[in-house]
């Protein structure tokens, strides 16, 4: 997963897409959550913090 993540970040930066890194959260989600599955409730706060940061980057109000 590390090589794939690095490639994703590289392509994002090439296209001026901001990259948010939270390695502990990413690793935990990779381990616990399959594609199209619901995020476990105990991760809601951490995911909400990342989403709030992204919304602020885009200039949107929460």
PDB file of N, CA and C in Angstrom:
ATOM      1  N   UNK A   1       0.829  -1.198   0.000  1.00  0.00           N
ATOM      2  CA  UNK A   1       0.000   0.000   0.000  1.00  0.00           C
ATOM      3  C   UNK A   1       0.868   1.254   0.000  1.00  0.00           C
ATOM      4  N   UNK A   2       2.053   1.196   0.574  1.00  0.00           N
ATOM      5  CA  UNK A   2       2.916   2.365   0.647  1.00  0.00           C
ATOM      6  C   UNK A   2       3.320   2.897  -0.712  1.00  0.00           C
ATOM      7  N   UNK A   3       3.671   2.010  -1.622  1.00  0.00           N
ATOM      8  CA  UNK A   3       4.080   2.422  -2.966  1.00  0.00           C
ATOM      9  C   UNK A   3       2.892   3.031  -3.711  1.00  0.00           C
ATOM     10  N   UNK A   4       1.745   2.430  -3.565  1.00  0.00           N
ATOM     11  CA  UNK A   4       0.538   2.941  -4.221  1.00  0.00           C
ATOM     12  C   UNK A   4       0.212   4.334  -3.677  1.00  0.00           C
ATOM     13  N   UNK A   5       0.283   4.485  -2.369  1.00  0.00           N
ATOM     14  CA  UNK A   5      -0.001   5.790  -1.752  1.00  0.00           C
ATOM     15  C   UNK A   5       0.969   6.852  -2.255  1.00  0.00           C
ATOM     16  N   UNK A   6       2.230   6.513  -2.352  1.00  0.00           N
ATOM     17  CA  UNK A   6       3.225   7.466  -2.844  1.00  0.00           C
ATOM     18  C   UNK A   6       2.932   7.862  -4.291  1.00  0.00           C
ATOM     19  N   UNK A   7       2.517   6.913  -5.108  1.00  0.00           N
ATOM     20  CA  UNK A   7       2.171   7.224  -6.500  1.00  0.00           C
ATOM     21  C   UNK A   7       0.943   8.127  -6.580  1.00  0.00           C
ATOM     22  N   UNK A   8      -0.040   7.868  -5.742  1.00  0.00           N
ATOM     23  CA  UNK A   8      -1.244   8.702  -5.713  1.00  0.00           C
ATOM     24  C   UNK A   8      -0.866  10.130  -5.328  1.00  0.00           C
ATOM     25  N   UNK A   9      -0.036  10.278  -4.299  1.00  0.00           N
ATOM     26  CA  UNK A   9       0.382  11.615  -3.867  1.00  0.00           C
ATOM     27  C   UNK A   9       1.187  12.326  -4.949  1.00  0.00           C
ATOM     28  N   UNK A  10       2.036  11.596  -5.644  1.00  0.00           N
ATOM     29  CA  UNK A  10       2.848  12.182  -6.709  1.00  0.00           C
ATOM     30  C   UNK A  10       1.953  12.729  -7.823  1.00  0.00           C
ATOM     31  N   UNK A  11       0.991  11.931  -8.252  1.00  0.00           N
ATOM     32  CA  UNK A  11       0.080  12.363  -9.320  1.00  0.00           C
ATOM     33  C   UNK A  11      -0.753  13.553  -8.842  1.00  0.00           C
ATOM     34  N   UNK A  12      -1.212  13.509  -7.605  1.00  0.00           N
ATOM     35  CA  UNK A  12      -2.001  14.621  -7.064  1.00  0.00           C
ATOM     36  C   UNK A  12      -1.197  15.912  -7.098  1.00  0.00           C
ATOM     37  N   UNK A  13       0.035  15.850  -6.659  1.00  0.00           N
ATOM     38  CA  UNK A  13       0.868  17.057  -6.640  1.00  0.00           C
ATOM     39  C   UNK A  13       1.156  17.560  -8.051  1.00  0.00           C
ATOM     40  N   UNK A  14       1.323  16.654  -8.995  1.00  0.00           N
ATOM     41  CA  UNK A  14       1.555  17.054 -10.384  1.00  0.00           C
ATOM     42  C   UNK A  14       0.371  17.842 -10.943  1.00  0.00           C
ATOM     43  N   UNK A  15      -0.809  17.567 -10.391  1.00  0.00           N
ATOM     44  CA  UNK A  15      -2.035  18.223 -10.859  1.00  0.00           C
ATOM     45  C   UNK A  15      -2.529  19.282  -9.868  1.00  0.00           C
ATOM     46  N   UNK A  16      -1.630  19.721  -8.990  1.00  0.00           N
ATOM     47  CA  UNK A  16      -1.938  20.753  -7.989  1.00  0.00           C
ATOM     48  C   UNK A  16      -3.138  20.410  -7.102  1.00  0.00           C
ATOM     49  N   UNK A  17      -3.299  19.131  -6.809  1.00  0.00           N
ATOM     50  CA  UNK A  17      -4.354  18.688  -5.904  1.00  0.00           C
ATOM     51  C   UNK A  17      -3.744  18.621  -4.503  1.00  0.00           C
ATOM     52  N   UNK A  18      -4.319  19.354  -3.542  1.00  0.00           N
ATOM     53  CA  UNK A  18      -3.778  19.308  -2.182  1.00  0.00           C
ATOM     54  C   UNK A  18      -3.813  17.882  -1.624  1.00  0.00           C
ATOM     55  N   UNK A  19      -2.796  17.558  -0.852  1.00  0.00           N
ATOM     56  CA  UNK A  19      -2.700  16.232  -0.243  1.00  0.00           C
ATOM     57  C   UNK A  19      -2.779  16.379   1.277  1.00  0.00           C
ATOM     58  N   UNK A  20      -3.681  15.644   1.878  1.00  0.00           N
ATOM     59  CA  UNK A  20      -3.814  15.617   3.329  1.00  0.00           C
ATOM     60  C   UNK A  20      -3.265  14.285   3.801  1.00  0.00           C
ATOM     61  N   UNK A  21      -2.297  14.332   4.706  1.00  0.00           N
ATOM     62  CA  UNK A  21      -1.717  13.086   5.201  1.00  0.00           C
ATOM     63  C   UNK A  21      -2.062  12.877   6.671  1.00  0.00           C
ATOM     64  N   UNK A  22      -2.598  11.731   6.955  1.00  0.00           N
ATOM     65  CA  UNK A  22      -2.826  11.275   8.321  1.00  0.00           C
ATOM     66  C   UNK A  22      -2.543   9.778   8.276  1.00  0.00           C
ATOM     67  N   UNK A  23      -1.260   9.448   8.358  1.00  0.00           N
ATOM     68  CA  UNK A  23      -0.849   8.049   8.179  1.00  0.00           C
ATOM     69  C   UNK A  23      -1.517   7.092   9.154  1.00  0.00           C
ATOM     70  N   UNK A  24      -1.607   7.435  10.444  1.00  0.00           N
ATOM     71  CA  UNK A  24      -2.276   6.488  11.353  1.00  0.00           C
ATOM     72  C   UNK A  24      -3.727   6.217  10.949  1.00  0.00           C
ATOM     73  N   UNK A  25      -4.453   7.260  10.564  1.00  0.00           N
ATOM     74  CA  UNK A  25      -5.845   7.077  10.139  1.00  0.00           C
ATOM     75  C   UNK A  25      -5.915   6.282   8.846  1.00  0.00           C
ATOM     76  N   UNK A  26      -5.056   6.611   7.898  1.00  0.00           N
ATOM     77  CA  UNK A  26      -5.054   5.900   6.615  1.00  0.00           C
ATOM     78  C   UNK A  26      -4.765   4.412   6.820  1.00  0.00           C
ATOM     79  N   UNK A  27      -3.789   4.122   7.642  1.00  0.00           N
ATOM     80  CA  UNK A  27      -3.439   2.707   7.894  1.00  0.00           C
ATOM     81  C   UNK A  27      -4.577   1.964   8.570  1.00  0.00           C
ATOM     82  N   UNK A  28      -5.200   2.625   9.536  1.00  0.00           N
ATOM     83  CA  UNK A  28      -6.307   1.992  10.251  1.00  0.00           C
ATOM     84  C   UNK A  28      -7.492   1.744   9.321  1.00  0.00           C
ATOM     85  N   UNK A  29      -7.807   2.727   8.484  1.00  0.00           N
ATOM     86  CA  UNK A  29      -8.917   2.550   7.544  1.00  0.00           C
ATOM     87  C   UNK A  29      -8.600   1.463   6.520  1.00  0.00           C
ATOM     88  N   UNK A  30      -7.349   1.426   6.060  1.00  0.00           N
ATOM     89  CA  UNK A  30      -6.946   0.397   5.104  1.00  0.00           C
ATOM     90  C   UNK A  30      -7.126  -0.994   5.718  1.00  0.00           C
ATOM     91  N   UNK A  31      -6.818  -1.101   6.995  1.00  0.00           N
ATOM     92  CA  UNK A  31      -6.911  -2.381   7.698  1.00  0.00           C
ATOM     93  C   UNK A  31      -8.366  -2.781   7.989  1.00  0.00           C
ATOM     94  N   UNK A  32      -9.199  -1.799   8.350  1.00  0.00           N
ATOM     95  CA  UNK A  32     -10.540  -2.109   8.854  1.00  0.00           C
ATOM     96  C   UNK A  32     -11.679  -1.981   7.848  1.00  0.00           C
ATOM     97  N   UNK A  33     -11.503  -1.155   6.826  1.00  0.00           N
ATOM     98  CA  UNK A  33     -12.639  -0.801   5.972  1.00  0.00           C
ATOM     99  C   UNK A  33     -12.395  -1.235   4.532  1.00  0.00           C
ATOM    100  N   UNK A  34     -13.319  -1.970   4.002  1.00  0.00           N
ATOM    101  CA  UNK A  34     -13.273  -2.370   2.591  1.00  0.00           C
ATOM    102  C   UNK A  34     -13.950  -1.282   1.750  1.00  0.00           C
ATOM    103  N   UNK A  35     -13.679  -1.261   0.457  1.00  0.00           N
ATOM    104  CA  UNK A  35     -14.296  -0.303  -0.451  1.00  0.00           C
ATOM    105  C   UNK A  35     -15.818  -0.435  -0.362  1.00  0.00           C
ATOM    106  N   UNK A  36     -16.494   0.699  -0.303  1.00  0.00           N
ATOM    107  CA  UNK A  36     -17.952   0.809  -0.211  1.00  0.00           C
ATOM    108  C   UNK A  36     -18.527   0.357   1.129  1.00  0.00           C
ATOM    109  N   UNK A  37     -17.684   0.134   2.116  1.00  0.00           N
ATOM    110  CA  UNK A  37     -18.171  -0.181   3.456  1.00  0.00           C
ATOM    111  C   UNK A  37     -18.313   1.103   4.264  1.00  0.00           C
ATOM    112  N   UNK A  38     -19.148   1.045   5.285  1.00  0.00           N
ATOM    113  CA  UNK A  38     -19.331   2.170   6.191  1.00  0.00           C
ATOM    114  C   UNK A  38     -18.125   2.289   7.117  1.00  0.00           C
ATOM    115  N   UNK A  39     -17.719   3.508   7.352  1.00  0.00           N
ATOM    116  CA  UNK A  39     -16.618   3.769   8.279  1.00  0.00           C
ATOM    117  C   UNK A  39     -17.100   3.451   9.685  1.00  0.00           C
ATOM    118  N   UNK A  40     -16.296   2.752  10.485  1.00  0.00           N
ATOM    119  CA  UNK A  40     -16.700   2.457  11.861  1.00  0.00           C
ATOM    120  C   UNK A  40     -16.921   3.744  12.668  1.00  0.00           C
ATOM    121  N   UNK A  41     -17.892   3.719  13.546  1.00  0.00           N
ATOM    122  CA  UNK A  41     -18.261   4.906  14.326  1.00  0.00           C
ATOM    123  C   UNK A  41     -17.091   5.476  15.121  1.00  0.00           C
ATOM    124  N   UNK A  42     -16.191   4.637  15.575  1.00  0.00           N
ATOM    125  CA  UNK A  42     -15.070   5.154  16.365  1.00  0.00           C
ATOM    126  C   UNK A  42     -14.061   5.935  15.519  1.00  0.00           C
ATOM    127  N   UNK A  43     -14.216   5.933  14.195  1.00  0.00           N
ATOM    128  CA  UNK A  43     -13.346   6.723  13.317  1.00  0.00           C
ATOM    129  C   UNK A  43     -14.029   7.996  12.806  1.00  0.00           C
ATOM    130  N   UNK A  44     -15.306   8.194  13.142  1.00  0.00           N
ATOM    131  CA  UNK A  44     -16.049   9.355  12.643  1.00  0.00           C
ATOM    132  C   UNK A  44     -15.336  10.668  12.944  1.00  0.00           C
ATOM    133  N   UNK A  45     -14.891  10.854  14.173  1.00  0.00           N
ATOM    134  CA  UNK A  45     -14.266  12.123  14.568  1.00  0.00           C
ATOM    135  C   UNK A  45     -13.019  12.402  13.729  1.00  0.00           C
ATOM    136  N   UNK A  46     -12.175  11.405  13.567  1.00  0.00           N
ATOM    137  CA  UNK A  46     -10.944  11.589  12.797  1.00  0.00           C
ATOM    138  C   UNK A  46     -11.238  11.893  11.331  1.00  0.00           C
ATOM    139  N   UNK A  47     -12.189  11.181  10.767  1.00  0.00           N
ATOM    140  CA  UNK A  47     -12.553  11.415   9.369  1.00  0.00           C
ATOM    141  C   UNK A  47     -13.201  12.790   9.223  1.00  0.00           C
ATOM    142  N   UNK A  48     -14.020  13.178  10.175  1.00  0.00           N
ATOM    143  CA  UNK A  48     -14.661  14.499  10.136  1.00  0.00           C
ATOM    144  C   UNK A  48     -13.620  15.611  10.173  1.00  0.00           C
ATOM    145  N   UNK A  49     -12.556  15.428  10.945  1.00  0.00           N
ATOM    146  CA  UNK A  49     -11.491  16.428  11.005  1.00  0.00           C
ATOM    147  C   UNK A  49     -10.792  16.576   9.656  1.00  0.00           C
ATOM    148  N   UNK A  50     -10.552  15.476   8.981  1.00  0.00           N
ATOM    149  CA  UNK A  50      -9.933  15.533   7.651  1.00  0.00           C
ATOM    150  C   UNK A  50     -10.882  16.219   6.668  1.00  0.00           C
ATOM    151  N   UNK A  51     -12.149  15.832   6.689  1.00  0.00           N
ATOM    152  CA  UNK A  51     -13.125  16.449   5.779  1.00  0.00           C
ATOM    153  C   UNK A  51     -13.276  17.944   6.056  1.00  0.00           C
ATOM    154  N   UNK A  52     -13.277  18.341   7.316  1.00  0.00           N
ATOM    155  CA  UNK A  52     -13.378  19.757   7.658  1.00  0.00           C
ATOM    156  C   UNK A  52     -12.177  20.521   7.109  1.00  0.00           C
ATOM    157  N   UNK A  53     -11.011  19.947   7.205  1.00  0.00           N
ATOM    158  CA  UNK A  53      -9.803  20.572   6.666  1.00  0.00           C
ATOM    159  C   UNK A  53      -9.919  20.754   5.152  1.00  0.00           C
ATOM    160  N   UNK A  54     -10.396  19.727   4.478  1.00  0.00           N
ATOM    161  CA  UNK A  54     -10.550  19.795   3.017  1.00  0.00           C
ATOM    162  C   UNK A  54     -11.572  20.868   2.643  1.00  0.00           C
ATOM    163  N   UNK A  55     -12.683  20.933   3.353  1.00  0.00           N
ATOM    164  CA  UNK A  55     -13.680  21.962   3.070  1.00  0.00           C
ATOM    165  C   UNK A  55     -13.095  23.355   3.273  1.00  0.00           C
ATOM    166  N   UNK A  56     -12.292  23.546   4.328  1.00  0.00           N
ATOM    167  CA  UNK A  56     -11.663  24.850   4.554  1.00  0.00           C
ATOM    168  C   UNK A  56     -10.715  25.191   3.411  1.00  0.00           C
ATOM    169  N   UNK A  57      -9.972  24.199   2.913  1.00  0.00           N
ATOM    170  CA  UNK A  57      -9.080  24.441   1.778  1.00  0.00           C
ATOM    171  C   UNK A  57      -9.850  24.934   0.561  1.00  0.00           C
ATOM    172  N   UNK A  58     -11.029  24.396   0.377  1.00  0.00           N
ATOM    173  CA  UNK A  58     -11.845  24.749  -0.785  1.00  0.00           C
ATOM    174  C   UNK A  58     -12.669  26.016  -0.531  1.00  0.00           C
ATOM    175  N   UNK A  59     -12.557  26.590   0.671  1.00  0.00           N
ATOM    176  CA  UNK A  59     -13.277  27.825   0.975  1.00  0.00           C
ATOM    177  C   UNK A  59     -14.752  27.640   1.227  1.00  0.00           C
ATOM    178  N   UNK A  60     -15.154  26.446   1.610  1.00  0.00           N
ATOM    179  CA  UNK A  60     -16.567  26.192   1.872  1.00  0.00           C
ATOM    180  C   UNK A  60     -16.845  26.289   3.360  1.00  0.00           C
ATOM    181  N   UNK A  61     -18.061  26.698   3.678  1.00  0.00           N
ATOM    182  CA  UNK A  61     -18.476  26.751   5.074  1.00  0.00           C
ATOM    183  C   UNK A  61     -18.986  25.386   5.501  1.00  0.00           C
ATOM    184  N   UNK A  62     -18.750  25.072   6.756  1.00  0.00           N
ATOM    185  CA  UNK A  62     -19.227  23.792   7.295  1.00  0.00           C
ATOM    186  C   UNK A  62     -20.624  23.951   7.853  1.00  0.00           C
TER     187      UNK A  62
END
